[in-house]
Each structure stands twice: as C-alpha cells, then as structure tokens.
Amino acid sequence: MSVEQELEQTILDFTAIQANLHYKHAQDALRELLVRLDLTPQEQAGLEPEIRGLIQMLDKLERSVIHIAAFGMVGRGKSSLLNALVGRAVFATGPTHGVTRSIQRVDWQVERENLAGSPRADEDAPATSPSAPPTIVRVTLPGTGNAQIQLIDTPGIDEVAGEQREQLAKRLARQADLILFVITGDMTRVEHQALSELRQASKPILLVFNKVDQYPDTDRDLIYATIRDQRVRELLSPDEIVMAAAAPLVPQLVQRDGQTRVQLQPGAPQVEALKLKILEILDREGKALIALNTMLYADEVNEQVVQRKLEIREQAANQIIWNAVMMKALAIALNPVTVVDIFSGAIIDVSMILTLSRLYGIAMTEAGAVNLLQKIALSMGSIGASELLANLGLSGLKGVLGASAPVTGGATLAPYVSVAVTQAGVAGVSSYGIGQITKTYLAQGATWGPDGPKAVVSEILAALDETSILSRIKGELQARLQGREVAK
C-alpha cells in the first residue's frame, strides 16, 4: 500500500470512528432526555406527538434505521419513484388526484456483495476502503443487510384542503435523514417556497427531476439548466440535482386488427443515477446523518418541552401570587392594629416567596426569603412607600371607626369597610409587584441579570396596570367581606 493509500485509509478509519462516536453520543443523549422529561399530565398535554417522536427516534437509533422521505406536489410521481427504487409496486399510484392520502412507509434494505456473489466479509469496513474487495450494491426489500433504510411517501404539498397533511409532511421532514424533493419540470412558486422551507430543516436534499422521458433531449437539458442556474442556485448544488424517469412510457409496435400501430407502453424505470446518489450519501454519511438528525430533532422537542414547562409554571406562579395578594388584602382589611398589619403582611410575602422558590426548584431558606423581600422592597420605591403610609395612616382611622361602631349603632361600619378595602388594595398591589419581581428573579435562575435588581424591578413595575389590579382586588375583597357579613 502506498503512502497516499495509507493516508486515505487512516482518514477513512478516523471518519468511521468519529461517526460511531457521534452515533453513540446521540443514543446516550436521547436516552437521557427521555429520562429527564419528568412531565406532569398537565405539562404533557399537547406534547404527545413530540414525545412519541422522541421514542420513535430512539427506536430508530437502536435499529440503525435511515429515513428517506419523498416530497413534492400532486402528480409529480413520488410514489412511482419510490416503487422504482424498491423494485416493486408497494406505494399506491394512479390517475386520481392525490392518491397518497396518508404517509406510507416501506422498509428497504441495502446489502453489499463482492463480485463473486458472496457477502462481503468485512461488512463493517467503509465501502470506499482501498483494502476492501470490489463490491456491488443490491437494493432489496426486507432481508438481511448491514443498513436498514425506510422509504417514506407523503401527500402532495399542494392538495386542496390538505393543510393538515402538509403540516404532517413538514413534521416528518424534521425526522427524515434524507429528503427527495420531486419535480417534473421547471419549478413553480409553490415548489420553490416548499423547497426553501425544507432547506431550513438542515437536512440533505436531493432534487429529483422526474418524468424526463416526456421531454425531447434539448428541452430537458434546457429545463435542467434553468433549474440548476436560476431556480435553486442559492438552495442546492448541482450535485444535489438528479434526473429520473420512474415510470417511463416508450413507443412500441403493436399488431391490432391486422394493422401495426405505435403505442406507448410502460418501460423500465430510469432511476440508476438516483440510486447511486442515495447510496453514495448513505455510504459516506449514513451514521452521521442519523446522529445529526436525532440531535436536531431532540433539541427541537426539548425546547418545546422547556417552553411548555415554563408556561405551566407561569400559570401556577401567577395563581400563587394572586392567592397571596388576596390573603394579604383580607388579613389587613380585617385587622385594625397597625403593627399587626405590617407584620402579617410581611409574613404572607415571605411565605409567597418561599412557595414560588419551591415551584421553580430554587432552594431558599426563610432568612433568604426575608433578605430577598427587603431587597425588592427597597427597590420598589413609591409602591413600597405607599403601602407603608397606607398601613400607618389608614390603620389608625380604621381602628377609630371600628371602635366607634357600637356607639354609633353601626353607622361607622360603611366608612370602616371603605377604608379597610382601600388600605388592603394598596397592600395587595404592593404584594402583587413583589410576587412578579420574585417570579422573574427565580425564572432567571435566581439572578438579576446583567443590569441588576433595580432595572428588573423598574421594568416590571412599569408594566403593571395598578388601576386594573386595584379594581380586581377591591371587587374580590368586597365580595369576601359581604360573604362574611352574611355568614354572621
């Protein structure tokens, strides 16, 4: 073996090892992700297709299955093309518009044989290895082989009322390892847009110019050049464009009624160039494709899971905050003693902070919650001062009105309720602000971010609709106070 061959062999061996390492890493990462999901039924709702997709991807890794999906508009011959690749009519075809109403799959396995017809001994060695004997590649339906390939047929992307199927096809594109985009002539605007969207999936794409048998050579070559140089120049390289004739019609002489006529008859599929291109990609990048695609899909699903958890957590946090707001408002409204007002309000705020910290999985002690409350209160400025003044000023007035109620025959009860509701509303708005600031702080991993606490507090307070919050507090509080009166 020459130095050049040894160097090439070393590179090939290193590439194979690296591909196997990536493949193993993808398996481990996907298993770990599935274990770490730990979703409640509420969090899982709406994510069932994505979670099933993760399980299918892991099964795909375990079985070393490569997915090849065919996309295109209605009538482009996707099903016929896949049948030609398989060598059997396993995908539904016909003249009816949109024959493929659902996604169809078929297993298609690859076997390598040496020229003598016996299986290659070193099946795990790269096919391009200089030491490997000359081989041929045989494409067959299920049987023994060293790679499992699953061809997937999809509905036409332009079908009438086919938006749901189109979304299904796009979702499948995220799971596919190789995409065959089938056209039958110069590209339409719909096809170009669809190809652009599929390109964003970061998957290998082969643009298959099918039904080339229907064009004279000059026209066919002109259309091919237009597609290559104008339509997809920014999307695909020339090596990613292949011409094919999945179900060609060839003229044949036919004897009928004593006359010889020329009729078009089905001919042998012309898909050898496509087969070779597919097998070249799979031989060069097979395991790497599966590993990369798995990680891309897993990362996408993980983002959706995280977003779903954040949405559920946000809802739960807002409910915790509002419960604390109303608890504090009610406690202050019913209590006439100023010192007790301030003390009970602080206890409720600290309890709210501790409850939120548990929701966001942040360990926090009571002392830590008190320190956080102090830092937030100092940064709140006017809202915090308003609560303090309301407690100091209105508590005294509330106490006088409450004490004089027996003397006045209850005439001071109405003013008492009005003062109590006002005081409680101010305290409630303050508690609401504290809760929202705490939620933001915890959601960011118990950090204030680069701009510090004052910036966070100012941004949240500026977004608060105090009038709306105060109106809601007063409405709920008056209803609760009236309910207590009725109960007495």
Protein backbone atom coordinates (compact mmCIF):
# COMPACT_ATOMS: atom_id res chain seq x y z
CA MET A 1 0.00 0.00 0.00
CA SER A 2 1.37 3.42 -0.98
CA VAL A 3 1.78 6.34 1.40
CA GLU A 4 -1.20 8.07 -0.24
CA GLN A 5 -3.36 4.97 0.24
CA GLU A 6 -2.27 4.63 3.86
CA LEU A 7 -3.14 8.27 4.48
CA GLU A 8 -6.53 7.82 2.81
CA GLN A 9 -7.19 4.67 4.84
CA THR A 10 -6.27 6.50 8.06
CA ILE A 11 -8.68 9.31 7.21
CA LEU A 12 -11.45 6.84 6.39
CA ASP A 13 -10.86 4.89 9.60
CA PHE A 14 -10.88 8.08 11.64
CA THR A 15 -14.10 9.21 9.94
CA ALA A 16 -15.75 5.86 10.70
CA ILE A 17 -14.67 6.00 14.35
CA GLN A 18 -15.90 9.57 14.64
CA ALA A 19 -19.26 8.64 13.10
CA ASN A 20 -19.64 5.77 15.57
CA LEU A 21 -18.78 8.08 18.45
CA HIS A 22 -21.37 10.63 17.30
CA TYR A 23 -23.90 7.83 16.93
CA LYS A 24 -23.22 6.56 20.47
CA HIS A 25 -23.40 10.09 21.81
CA ALA A 26 -26.77 10.62 20.10
CA GLN A 27 -28.12 7.42 21.65
CA ASP A 28 -26.93 8.38 25.14
CA ALA A 29 -28.23 11.95 24.83
CA LEU A 30 -31.66 10.82 23.64
CA ARG A 31 -31.99 8.24 26.42
CA GLU A 32 -31.01 10.87 28.98
CA LEU A 33 -33.51 13.37 27.54
CA LEU A 34 -36.35 10.85 27.77
CA VAL A 35 -35.43 10.09 31.38
CA ARG A 36 -35.19 13.78 32.28
CA LEU A 37 -38.54 14.75 30.75
CA ASP A 38 -40.36 14.06 34.04
CA LEU A 39 -43.58 15.71 32.84
CA THR A 40 -46.78 16.03 34.81
CA PRO A 41 -50.01 15.12 32.95
CA GLN A 42 -50.71 18.85 32.60
CA GLU A 43 -47.27 19.54 31.15
CA GLN A 44 -47.51 16.56 28.81
CA ALA A 45 -50.84 17.68 27.34
CA GLY A 46 -50.30 18.87 23.79
CA LEU A 47 -46.80 17.39 23.55
CA GLU A 48 -47.84 13.78 22.93
CA PRO A 49 -46.80 13.75 19.21
CA GLU A 50 -43.37 15.18 20.06
CA ILE A 51 -42.80 12.69 22.88
CA ARG A 52 -43.85 9.81 20.62
CA GLY A 53 -41.43 11.20 18.06
CA LEU A 54 -38.58 11.04 20.59
CA ILE A 55 -39.41 7.42 21.42
CA GLN A 56 -39.51 6.58 17.70
CA MET A 57 -36.17 8.33 17.18
CA LEU A 58 -34.57 6.25 19.95
CA ASP A 59 -36.01 3.09 18.40
CA LYS A 60 -34.62 4.26 15.07
CA LEU A 61 -31.17 4.62 16.61
CA GLU A 62 -31.38 1.21 18.25
CA ARG A 63 -32.26 -0.41 14.92
CA SER A 64 -29.98 1.79 12.78
CA VAL A 65 -32.81 2.90 10.50
CA ILE A 66 -32.33 5.71 8.00
CA HIS A 67 -35.45 7.59 6.89
CA ILE A 68 -35.71 8.84 3.31
CA ALA A 69 -38.84 10.92 2.69
CA ALA A 70 -40.24 11.95 -0.71
CA PHE A 71 -41.93 15.36 -1.03
CA GLY A 72 -43.50 17.20 -3.90
CA MET A 73 -46.70 18.45 -5.45
CA VAL A 74 -49.52 16.21 -6.61
CA GLY A 75 -48.82 14.34 -9.83
CA ARG A 76 -45.04 14.55 -9.66
CA GLY A 77 -44.67 10.78 -9.43
CA LYS A 78 -43.35 10.46 -5.87
CA SER A 79 -44.97 7.07 -5.30
CA SER A 80 -43.83 5.78 -8.69
CA LEU A 81 -40.30 6.96 -7.95
CA LEU A 82 -40.20 5.07 -4.65
CA ASN A 83 -41.66 1.98 -6.30
CA ALA A 84 -38.90 2.18 -8.90
CA LEU A 85 -36.27 2.39 -6.16
CA VAL A 86 -37.74 -0.59 -4.32
CA GLY A 87 -38.33 -2.59 -7.49
CA ARG A 88 -41.92 -3.40 -6.55
CA ALA A 89 -45.28 -1.61 -6.64
CA VAL A 90 -45.64 -1.12 -2.89
CA PHE A 91 -46.75 2.52 -2.90
CA ALA A 92 -50.20 3.39 -4.24
CA THR A 93 -50.21 5.08 -7.65
CA GLY A 94 -52.90 6.02 -10.10
CA PRO A 95 -54.50 8.79 -12.15
CA THR A 96 -56.67 10.05 -9.27
CA HIS A 97 -55.63 13.45 -7.95
CA GLY A 98 -53.76 12.97 -4.70
CA VAL A 99 -53.61 9.19 -4.41
CA THR A 100 -51.35 9.34 -1.36
CA ARG A 101 -53.79 10.44 1.32
CA SER A 102 -51.61 9.44 4.25
CA ILE A 103 -47.95 8.82 4.87
CA GLN A 104 -46.86 5.42 3.56
CA ARG A 105 -43.70 3.61 4.60
CA VAL A 106 -41.80 0.59 3.39
CA ASP A 107 -38.58 -0.95 4.62
CA TRP A 108 -35.82 -1.01 2.03
CA GLN A 109 -32.56 -2.69 2.94
CA VAL A 110 -29.12 -2.44 1.46
CA GLU A 111 -26.86 -5.48 1.01
CA ARG A 112 -23.29 -5.43 -0.26
CA GLU A 113 -21.82 -8.33 -2.21
CA ASN A 114 -18.46 -8.90 -3.78
CA LEU A 115 -18.19 -9.67 -7.47
CA ALA A 116 -18.28 -13.40 -6.81
CA GLY A 117 -21.76 -13.04 -5.38
CA SER A 118 -20.95 -13.84 -1.74
CA PRO A 119 -21.48 -11.38 1.13
CA ARG A 120 -18.51 -9.19 1.88
CA ALA A 121 -16.58 -10.48 4.87
CA ASP A 122 -15.60 -7.10 6.29
CA GLU A 123 -19.13 -5.69 6.44
CA ASP A 124 -18.17 -3.05 8.99
CA ALA A 125 -15.34 -1.63 6.89
CA PRO A 126 -16.03 1.51 4.85
CA ALA A 127 -17.10 0.67 1.29
CA THR A 128 -14.53 3.10 -0.05
CA SER A 129 -11.69 1.43 1.85
CA PRO A 130 -8.77 0.62 -0.51
CA SER A 131 -8.39 -2.77 1.20
CA ALA A 132 -12.00 -3.77 0.56
CA PRO A 133 -12.62 -6.13 -2.38
CA PRO A 134 -14.62 -4.77 -5.32
CA THR A 135 -18.30 -4.84 -4.44
CA ILE A 136 -21.70 -4.27 -5.93
CA VAL A 137 -24.69 -2.83 -4.07
CA ARG A 138 -28.01 -4.68 -4.21
CA VAL A 139 -31.22 -2.94 -3.22
CA THR A 140 -33.87 -5.33 -1.90
CA LEU A 141 -36.99 -5.47 0.22
CA PRO A 142 -36.73 -6.78 3.82
CA GLY A 143 -33.92 -9.26 4.26
CA THR A 144 -30.50 -9.39 5.79
CA GLY A 145 -28.17 -6.47 5.28
CA ASN A 146 -25.88 -4.06 7.03
CA ALA A 147 -28.15 -0.99 6.79
CA GLN A 148 -31.88 -0.51 7.20
CA ILE A 149 -33.47 2.14 5.06
CA GLN A 150 -37.08 3.23 5.30
CA LEU A 151 -38.60 5.00 2.31
CA ILE A 152 -41.48 7.33 3.17
CA ASP A 153 -44.08 8.63 0.73
CA THR A 154 -46.05 11.78 1.64
CA PRO A 155 -49.17 13.54 0.34
CA GLY A 156 -48.85 16.29 -2.25
CA ILE A 157 -47.89 19.62 -0.71
CA ASP A 158 -50.49 21.47 -2.81
CA GLU A 159 -53.55 19.29 -2.20
CA VAL A 160 -56.88 21.03 -1.80
CA ALA A 161 -57.91 21.08 1.87
CA GLY A 162 -54.61 19.39 2.52
CA GLU A 163 -53.19 21.86 5.05
CA GLN A 164 -53.22 19.24 7.80
CA ARG A 165 -51.41 16.73 5.60
CA GLU A 166 -48.93 19.42 4.59
CA GLN A 167 -48.18 20.12 8.26
CA LEU A 168 -47.80 16.37 8.79
CA ALA A 169 -45.33 16.22 5.93
CA LYS A 170 -43.34 19.13 7.34
CA ARG A 171 -43.21 17.50 10.74
CA LEU A 172 -41.97 14.31 9.11
CA ALA A 173 -39.31 16.33 7.29
CA ARG A 174 -37.83 17.17 10.69
CA GLN A 175 -37.47 13.45 11.37
CA ALA A 176 -36.19 12.46 7.92
CA ASP A 177 -32.48 11.89 7.35
CA LEU A 178 -32.61 12.46 3.59
CA ILE A 179 -35.27 14.30 1.60
CA LEU A 180 -36.16 13.61 -2.04
CA PHE A 181 -37.93 16.65 -3.48
CA VAL A 182 -39.63 15.56 -6.68
CA ILE A 183 -40.43 17.89 -9.60
CA THR A 184 -41.38 17.19 -13.22
CA GLY A 185 -40.33 20.37 -14.99
CA ASP A 186 -39.47 23.99 -14.32
CA MET A 187 -40.24 24.78 -10.68
CA THR A 188 -43.42 26.58 -9.65
CA ARG A 189 -43.53 29.25 -6.97
CA VAL A 190 -45.18 26.80 -4.57
CA GLU A 191 -42.42 24.27 -5.15
CA HIS A 192 -39.68 26.84 -4.65
CA GLN A 193 -41.25 28.04 -1.40
CA ALA A 194 -41.68 24.48 -0.13
CA LEU A 195 -38.07 23.62 -1.03
CA SER A 196 -36.87 26.74 0.80
CA GLU A 197 -38.81 25.72 3.90
CA LEU A 198 -37.44 22.19 3.77
CA ARG A 199 -33.92 23.56 3.35
CA GLN A 200 -34.33 25.21 6.76
CA ALA A 201 -34.61 21.74 8.31
CA SER A 202 -30.84 21.40 7.76
CA LYS A 203 -31.21 18.01 6.10
CA PRO A 204 -29.57 16.61 2.96
CA ILE A 205 -31.90 17.14 -0.01
CA LEU A 206 -31.84 15.63 -3.47
CA LEU A 207 -33.90 17.48 -6.06
CA VAL A 208 -35.25 14.79 -8.39
CA PHE A 209 -36.26 15.97 -11.88
CA ASN A 210 -38.69 13.14 -12.64
CA LYS A 211 -40.52 12.21 -15.87
CA VAL A 212 -37.64 13.38 -18.05
CA ASP A 213 -38.76 10.83 -20.65
CA GLN A 214 -41.63 13.18 -21.53
CA TYR A 215 -39.26 15.84 -22.89
CA PRO A 216 -37.11 15.94 -26.01
CA ASP A 217 -33.43 15.96 -25.09
CA THR A 218 -32.98 19.66 -25.94
CA ASP A 219 -35.98 20.76 -23.85
CA ARG A 220 -34.97 18.50 -20.96
CA ASP A 221 -31.44 19.90 -20.87
CA LEU A 222 -32.72 23.48 -21.08
CA ILE A 223 -35.13 22.95 -18.18
CA TYR A 224 -32.39 21.26 -16.14
CA ALA A 225 -30.03 24.20 -16.75
CA THR A 226 -32.73 26.71 -15.77
CA ILE A 227 -33.43 24.85 -12.53
CA ARG A 228 -29.73 24.50 -11.71
CA ASP A 229 -28.59 28.02 -12.61
CA GLN A 230 -31.64 30.11 -11.70
CA ARG A 231 -34.23 28.37 -9.54
CA VAL A 232 -32.17 26.60 -6.88
CA ARG A 233 -28.73 28.15 -7.20
CA GLU A 234 -28.98 29.57 -3.67
CA LEU A 235 -30.50 26.40 -2.21
CA LEU A 236 -28.75 23.38 -3.76
CA SER A 237 -25.54 22.50 -5.52
CA PRO A 238 -25.56 20.84 -8.98
CA ASP A 239 -24.52 17.56 -7.32
CA GLU A 240 -27.83 17.58 -5.44
CA ILE A 241 -29.95 17.56 -8.62
CA VAL A 242 -30.73 14.21 -10.26
CA MET A 243 -32.79 13.34 -13.33
CA ALA A 244 -35.04 10.27 -13.37
CA ALA A 245 -37.92 8.59 -15.16
CA ALA A 246 -39.74 6.46 -12.60
CA ALA A 247 -42.47 5.18 -14.92
CA PRO A 248 -41.42 5.95 -18.48
CA LEU A 249 -43.66 5.30 -21.44
CA VAL A 250 -41.85 4.02 -24.52
CA PRO A 251 -43.29 3.64 -28.03
CA GLN A 252 -43.75 0.06 -29.18
CA LEU A 253 -45.18 -1.52 -32.32
CA VAL A 254 -48.46 -3.31 -31.60
CA GLN A 255 -50.41 -5.56 -34.01
CA ARG A 256 -54.15 -4.97 -33.84
CA ASP A 257 -56.86 -5.81 -36.38
CA GLY A 258 -54.25 -6.68 -38.94
CA GLN A 259 -52.60 -3.30 -38.60
CA THR A 260 -49.35 -2.30 -37.00
CA ARG A 261 -49.64 0.68 -34.67
CA VAL A 262 -47.34 2.55 -32.34
CA GLN A 263 -48.49 2.63 -28.73
CA LEU A 264 -46.88 3.89 -25.57
CA GLN A 265 -46.11 1.05 -23.16
CA PRO A 266 -44.57 1.10 -19.67
CA GLY A 267 -40.80 0.89 -19.88
CA ALA A 268 -38.02 0.10 -17.44
CA PRO A 269 -37.57 2.76 -14.74
CA GLN A 270 -34.58 5.05 -15.18
CA VAL A 271 -33.52 5.63 -11.58
CA GLU A 272 -29.96 4.27 -11.51
CA ALA A 273 -28.43 7.75 -11.11
CA LEU A 274 -30.72 8.44 -8.17
CA LYS A 275 -29.94 5.08 -6.55
CA LEU A 276 -26.22 5.70 -6.86
CA LYS A 277 -26.55 9.21 -5.43
CA ILE A 278 -28.58 7.96 -2.45
CA LEU A 279 -26.20 5.11 -1.75
CA GLU A 280 -23.23 7.43 -2.10
CA ILE A 281 -24.68 9.75 0.55
CA LEU A 282 -25.60 6.89 2.86
CA ASP A 283 -22.26 5.16 2.45
CA ARG A 284 -20.41 8.38 3.20
CA GLU A 285 -22.66 9.88 5.86
CA GLY A 286 -25.13 7.19 6.96
CA LYS A 287 -24.50 7.02 10.70
CA ALA A 288 -23.52 10.66 10.90
CA LEU A 289 -26.84 11.58 9.24
CA ILE A 290 -28.84 9.61 11.78
CA ALA A 291 -26.88 11.03 14.71
CA LEU A 292 -27.14 14.62 13.48
CA ASN A 293 -30.81 14.37 12.65
CA THR A 294 -31.59 12.77 16.01
CA MET A 295 -29.82 15.54 17.91
CA LEU A 296 -31.53 18.26 15.86
CA TYR A 297 -34.96 16.74 16.46
CA ALA A 298 -34.26 16.07 20.15
CA ASP A 299 -33.09 19.65 20.63
CA GLU A 300 -36.24 20.97 18.99
CA VAL A 301 -38.50 18.80 21.16
CA ASN A 302 -36.51 19.72 24.26
CA GLU A 303 -37.13 23.40 23.53
CA GLN A 304 -40.85 22.71 23.22
CA VAL A 305 -40.85 20.77 26.50
CA VAL A 306 -38.98 23.55 28.29
CA GLN A 307 -41.37 26.14 26.86
CA ARG A 308 -44.36 24.06 27.95
CA LYS A 309 -42.96 23.70 31.46
CA LEU A 310 -42.36 27.45 31.63
CA GLU A 311 -45.93 28.16 30.50
CA ILE A 312 -47.39 25.79 33.11
CA ARG A 313 -45.02 27.16 35.76
CA GLU A 314 -46.00 30.71 34.80
CA GLN A 315 -49.67 29.91 35.27
CA ALA A 316 -49.01 28.26 38.63
CA ALA A 317 -46.81 31.15 39.76
CA ASN A 318 -49.46 33.73 38.85
CA GLN A 319 -52.05 31.78 40.83
CA ILE A 320 -49.72 31.59 43.85
CA ILE A 321 -49.13 35.35 43.63
CA TRP A 322 -52.82 36.16 43.39
CA ASN A 323 -53.71 33.88 46.29
CA ALA A 324 -51.08 35.66 48.40
CA VAL A 325 -52.39 39.07 47.27
CA MET A 326 -55.93 38.25 48.37
CA MET A 327 -54.79 36.62 51.60
CA LYS A 328 -52.79 39.72 52.48
CA ALA A 329 -55.61 42.06 51.46
CA LEU A 330 -58.15 40.16 53.54
CA ALA A 331 -55.86 39.94 56.58
CA ILE A 332 -55.16 43.68 56.51
CA ALA A 333 -58.80 44.60 55.87
CA LEU A 334 -59.97 42.65 58.92
CA ASN A 335 -57.21 43.73 61.30
CA PRO A 336 -57.31 47.22 62.91
CA VAL A 337 -53.88 47.12 64.62
CA THR A 338 -51.12 48.85 62.62
CA VAL A 339 -48.20 46.77 63.87
CA VAL A 340 -50.06 43.55 63.24
CA ASP A 341 -50.96 44.77 59.73
CA ILE A 342 -47.32 45.29 58.82
CA PHE A 343 -46.16 42.07 60.49
CA SER A 344 -48.85 39.82 58.98
CA GLY A 345 -48.30 41.35 55.54
CA ALA A 346 -44.57 40.60 55.72
CA ILE A 347 -45.24 37.00 56.80
CA ILE A 348 -47.55 36.47 53.81
CA ASP A 349 -44.99 37.97 51.40
CA VAL A 350 -42.20 35.76 52.78
CA SER A 351 -44.47 32.71 52.51
CA MET A 352 -45.26 33.63 48.89
CA ILE A 353 -41.55 33.93 48.06
CA LEU A 354 -40.81 30.51 49.61
CA THR A 355 -43.71 28.90 47.70
CA LEU A 356 -42.51 30.39 44.42
CA SER A 357 -38.95 29.21 45.08
CA ARG A 358 -40.20 25.63 45.50
CA LEU A 359 -42.19 25.91 42.26
CA TYR A 360 -39.07 26.98 40.35
CA GLY A 361 -36.85 24.42 42.08
CA ILE A 362 -34.67 27.06 43.79
CA ALA A 363 -33.55 26.14 47.32
CA MET A 364 -34.26 29.02 49.70
CA THR A 365 -34.41 29.40 53.50
CA GLU A 366 -36.71 31.74 55.43
CA ALA A 367 -33.75 34.04 56.07
CA GLY A 368 -33.01 34.08 52.36
CA ALA A 369 -36.65 34.91 51.59
CA VAL A 370 -36.58 37.78 54.11
CA ASN A 371 -33.39 39.17 52.57
CA LEU A 372 -34.91 38.93 49.08
CA LEU A 373 -38.08 40.68 50.29
CA GLN A 374 -36.03 43.50 51.80
CA LYS A 375 -34.03 43.96 48.59
CA ILE A 376 -37.20 44.02 46.49
CA ALA A 377 -39.00 46.40 48.87
CA LEU A 378 -36.11 48.86 48.82
CA SER A 379 -36.05 48.76 45.01
CA MET A 380 -39.81 49.24 44.66
CA GLY A 381 -39.69 52.86 45.81
CA SER A 382 -43.09 54.55 45.55
CA ILE A 383 -45.18 51.38 45.70
CA GLY A 384 -43.43 50.18 48.86
CA ALA A 385 -43.75 53.64 50.42
CA SER A 386 -47.44 53.78 49.54
CA GLU A 387 -48.07 50.53 51.38
CA LEU A 388 -46.21 51.76 54.47
CA LEU A 389 -48.08 55.08 54.54
CA ALA A 390 -51.39 53.32 53.97
CA ASN A 391 -50.75 50.97 56.87
CA LEU A 392 -49.62 53.76 59.21
CA GLY A 393 -52.33 56.25 58.32
CA LEU A 394 -55.35 54.15 57.43
CA SER A 395 -54.90 51.58 60.20
CA GLY A 396 -55.40 54.29 62.83
CA LEU A 397 -58.53 55.62 61.09
CA LYS A 398 -59.81 52.10 60.60
CA GLY A 399 -59.29 51.42 64.33
CA VAL A 400 -61.28 54.53 65.35
CA LEU A 401 -64.15 53.68 63.01
CA GLY A 402 -64.23 50.10 64.19
CA ALA A 403 -64.20 51.06 67.88
CA SER A 404 -66.97 53.63 67.47
CA ALA A 405 -69.29 51.25 65.65
CA PRO A 406 -71.13 50.13 68.85
CA VAL A 407 -71.58 53.76 69.97
CA THR A 408 -72.92 54.93 66.62
CA GLY A 409 -75.20 51.99 66.20
CA GLY A 410 -73.13 50.67 63.32
CA ALA A 411 -73.21 53.92 61.38
CA THR A 412 -69.38 53.86 61.05
CA LEU A 413 -69.26 50.36 59.56
CA ALA A 414 -69.68 51.56 55.98
CA PRO A 415 -66.77 54.03 56.25
CA TYR A 416 -64.78 51.33 58.05
CA VAL A 417 -65.24 48.91 55.12
CA SER A 418 -64.32 51.61 52.63
CA VAL A 419 -61.11 52.49 54.49
CA ALA A 420 -60.26 48.81 55.02
CA VAL A 421 -60.72 47.99 51.33
CA THR A 422 -58.57 50.96 50.27
CA GLN A 423 -55.78 50.01 52.69
CA ALA A 424 -55.96 46.36 51.63
CA GLY A 425 -55.91 47.34 47.95
CA VAL A 426 -52.71 49.33 48.31
CA ALA A 427 -51.08 46.45 50.22
CA GLY A 428 -52.32 43.99 47.62
CA VAL A 429 -50.82 45.95 44.71
CA SER A 430 -47.51 46.02 46.58
CA SER A 431 -47.66 42.26 47.18
CA TYR A 432 -48.53 41.66 43.52
CA GLY A 433 -45.46 43.62 42.45
CA ILE A 434 -43.28 41.69 44.91
CA GLY A 435 -44.62 38.40 43.53
CA GLN A 436 -44.00 39.33 39.88
CA ILE A 437 -40.47 40.52 40.65
CA THR A 438 -39.73 37.33 42.61
CA LYS A 439 -41.10 35.18 39.78
CA THR A 440 -38.82 36.89 37.25
CA TYR A 441 -35.82 36.57 39.56
CA LEU A 442 -36.42 32.83 40.12
CA ALA A 443 -37.25 32.11 36.47
CA GLN A 444 -33.82 33.53 35.57
CA GLY A 445 -32.15 31.03 37.88
CA ALA A 446 -32.14 33.25 41.00
CA THR A 447 -30.18 36.01 39.25
CA TRP A 448 -31.00 39.62 38.46
CA GLY A 449 -29.29 39.57 35.10
CA PRO A 450 -26.56 41.95 33.88
CA ASP A 451 -28.50 45.14 34.72
CA GLY A 452 -29.10 44.36 38.40
CA PRO A 453 -32.24 44.31 40.59
CA LYS A 454 -33.27 47.94 40.13
CA ALA A 455 -33.53 47.55 36.37
CA VAL A 456 -35.62 44.37 36.74
CA VAL A 457 -37.89 45.98 39.34
CA SER A 458 -38.35 49.14 37.27
CA GLU A 459 -39.22 47.17 34.14
CA ILE A 460 -41.82 45.02 35.92
CA LEU A 461 -43.40 47.93 37.82
CA ALA A 462 -43.66 49.94 34.59
CA ALA A 463 -45.62 47.05 33.05
CA LEU A 464 -48.06 46.72 35.98
CA ASP A 465 -51.55 48.12 35.49
CA GLU A 466 -52.10 49.32 39.07
CA THR A 467 -55.62 50.56 38.39
CA SER A 468 -56.73 47.21 36.99
CA ILE A 469 -55.06 45.25 39.80
CA LEU A 470 -56.56 47.53 42.47
CA SER A 471 -60.02 47.24 40.91
CA ARG A 472 -59.79 43.44 40.88
CA ILE A 473 -58.58 43.32 44.50
CA LYS A 474 -61.40 45.61 45.66
CA GLY A 475 -64.02 43.62 43.78
CA GLU A 476 -62.93 40.24 45.21
CA LEU A 477 -62.34 41.70 48.68
CA GLN A 478 -65.77 43.34 48.91
CA ALA A 479 -67.39 40.08 47.83
CA ARG A 480 -65.50 38.18 50.54
CA LEU A 481 -66.31 40.78 53.23
CA GLN A 482 -70.00 40.72 52.29
CA GLY A 483 -69.89 36.95 52.40
CA ARG A 484 -68.53 37.11 55.94
CA GLU A 485 -71.32 39.51 56.97
CA VAL A 486 -73.96 37.18 55.52
CA ALA A 487 -72.38 34.25 57.35
CA LYS A 488 -72.66 36.11 60.68
